[in-house]
Amino acid sequence: MPRRCSPHQAEHPSKERRARAERRDAKIGRLRAVPLVTGDGPKASHLIPDVPRAIQRWNGYAWEPHGTAATLAEAQRLVYPHVEERPPVAASTPQPLRTDRGRHRKP
C-alpha cells in the first residue's frame, strides 16, 4: 500500500538532504594535521610538538592523504596559511585615578 503524505511532507526530506549536502560540500578541501604516533601514545598535538604530521584533506566523504609536515609548527603553516602573526601590542600606560567620587568608589 503506497504511503500517503502531503506535498509539504514529500519535499521536506529533499530540502533536508540538499542542506546536508551543501554543508558537506562547504567543507571540501579542508585540511587537518594528524600526529604520526604508534601504539597508545598521546594523540594531542600540543603534547608532542616535534613528531611528524600527516596532512589530510577532506574530499566530501573521507579524509585522504595530502602531504606531510616535520613538526607541529610546519603543519600549522600548511593547514592555516592565511593566519598572519600579529605584531606585539605595546603596553599602555596606566591611567591615574581621578579625584572625583565615582559610582563604585568608596566614600
Protein backbone atom coordinates (compact mmCIF):
# COMPACT_ATOMS: atom_id res chain seq x y z
CA MET A 1 0.00 0.00 0.00
CA PRO A 2 1.56 3.37 -1.00
CA ARG A 3 2.41 5.79 1.75
CA ARG A 4 0.36 8.97 1.61
CA CYS A 5 1.75 12.30 2.64
CA SER A 6 1.10 15.93 1.94
CA PRO A 7 3.13 17.80 -0.73
CA HIS A 8 4.93 19.71 2.03
CA GLN A 9 5.99 16.50 3.75
CA ALA A 10 7.08 14.97 0.47
CA GLU A 11 9.50 17.82 -0.34
CA HIS A 12 10.84 18.26 3.19
CA PRO A 13 13.31 15.33 3.10
CA SER A 14 14.81 16.56 -0.16
CA LYS A 15 15.34 20.03 1.34
CA GLU A 16 17.00 18.45 4.33
CA ARG A 17 19.15 16.25 2.09
CA ARG A 18 20.12 19.26 -0.03
CA ALA A 19 21.05 21.30 3.05
CA ARG A 20 23.17 18.44 4.38
CA ALA A 21 24.94 18.12 1.01
CA GLU A 22 25.64 21.87 0.94
CA ARG A 23 27.16 21.73 4.43
CA ARG A 24 29.30 18.76 3.42
CA ASP A 25 30.41 20.44 0.17
CA ALA A 26 31.34 23.62 2.02
CA LYS A 27 33.95 21.64 3.96
CA ILE A 28 35.57 20.05 0.88
CA GLY A 29 39.24 20.93 0.72
CA ARG A 30 39.60 21.48 4.47
CA LEU A 31 42.96 20.30 5.80
CA ARG A 32 43.89 18.72 9.12
CA ALA A 33 47.18 17.57 10.67
CA VAL A 34 47.32 14.18 12.40
CA PRO A 35 50.34 13.19 14.53
CA LEU A 36 52.18 10.10 13.28
CA VAL A 37 52.47 8.12 16.52
CA THR A 38 52.33 4.39 17.09
CA GLY A 39 50.51 2.46 19.77
CA ASP A 40 48.63 4.19 22.54
CA GLY A 41 50.80 7.31 22.55
CA PRO A 42 49.27 10.74 23.05
CA LYS A 43 47.27 11.99 20.06
CA ALA A 44 47.00 15.62 21.16
CA SER A 45 49.27 17.84 19.07
CA HIS A 46 50.26 20.12 21.94
CA LEU A 47 51.70 17.14 23.88
CA ILE A 48 54.08 16.07 21.11
CA PRO A 49 55.01 19.13 19.00
CA ASP A 50 58.18 17.59 17.48
CA VAL A 51 56.51 14.50 15.98
CA PRO A 52 55.90 14.44 12.19
CA ARG A 53 52.34 15.05 11.00
CA ALA A 54 50.28 13.63 8.17
CA ILE A 55 48.31 16.37 6.41
CA GLN A 56 44.89 15.11 5.35
CA ARG A 57 42.33 16.74 3.03
CA TRP A 58 38.54 16.30 3.26
CA ASN A 59 37.08 15.22 -0.11
CA GLY A 60 33.44 15.38 0.96
CA TYR A 61 33.21 11.79 2.17
CA ALA A 62 36.53 10.83 3.78
CA TRP A 63 39.93 12.21 4.80
CA GLU A 64 42.57 11.47 2.15
CA PRO A 65 46.38 11.89 2.37
CA HIS A 66 47.56 15.29 1.16
CA GLY A 67 51.11 15.69 2.47
CA THR A 68 53.41 15.56 5.49
CA ALA A 69 54.99 18.02 7.88
CA ALA A 70 58.06 17.56 10.09
CA THR A 71 56.77 19.45 13.15
CA LEU A 72 53.63 20.98 14.60
CA ALA A 73 54.71 24.49 13.55
CA GLU A 74 55.19 23.44 9.94
CA ALA A 75 51.84 21.61 9.96
CA GLN A 76 50.09 24.72 11.28
CA ARG A 77 51.61 26.82 8.48
CA LEU A 78 50.26 24.33 5.92
CA VAL A 79 46.81 23.91 7.47
CA TYR A 80 46.29 27.61 8.32
CA PRO A 81 48.19 29.56 5.62
CA HIS A 82 46.09 32.72 5.81
CA VAL A 83 46.71 33.37 9.51
CA GLU A 84 49.25 36.12 9.96
CA GLU A 85 51.22 36.72 13.10
CA ARG A 86 50.05 39.86 14.82
CA PRO A 87 52.62 42.46 15.81
CA PRO A 88 53.16 42.74 19.56
CA VAL A 89 50.95 45.35 21.18
CA ALA A 90 52.76 47.99 23.20
CA ALA A 91 51.78 48.07 26.85
CA SER A 92 49.51 51.00 27.59
CA THR A 93 50.47 53.47 30.28
CA PRO A 94 48.37 53.15 33.41
CA GLN A 95 45.82 55.94 33.92
CA PRO A 96 45.89 57.60 37.35
CA LEU A 97 42.69 57.52 39.38
CA ARG A 98 40.58 60.65 39.22
CA THR A 99 39.82 62.68 42.31
CA ASP A 100 36.02 62.70 41.94
CA ARG A 101 33.77 60.18 43.66
CA GLY A 102 32.74 57.67 41.06
CA ARG A 103 29.79 55.33 41.28
CA HIS A 104 31.87 52.39 42.50
CA ARG A 105 34.29 54.24 44.75
CA LYS A 106 34.09 54.10 48.49
CA PRO A 107 33.37 57.44 50.22
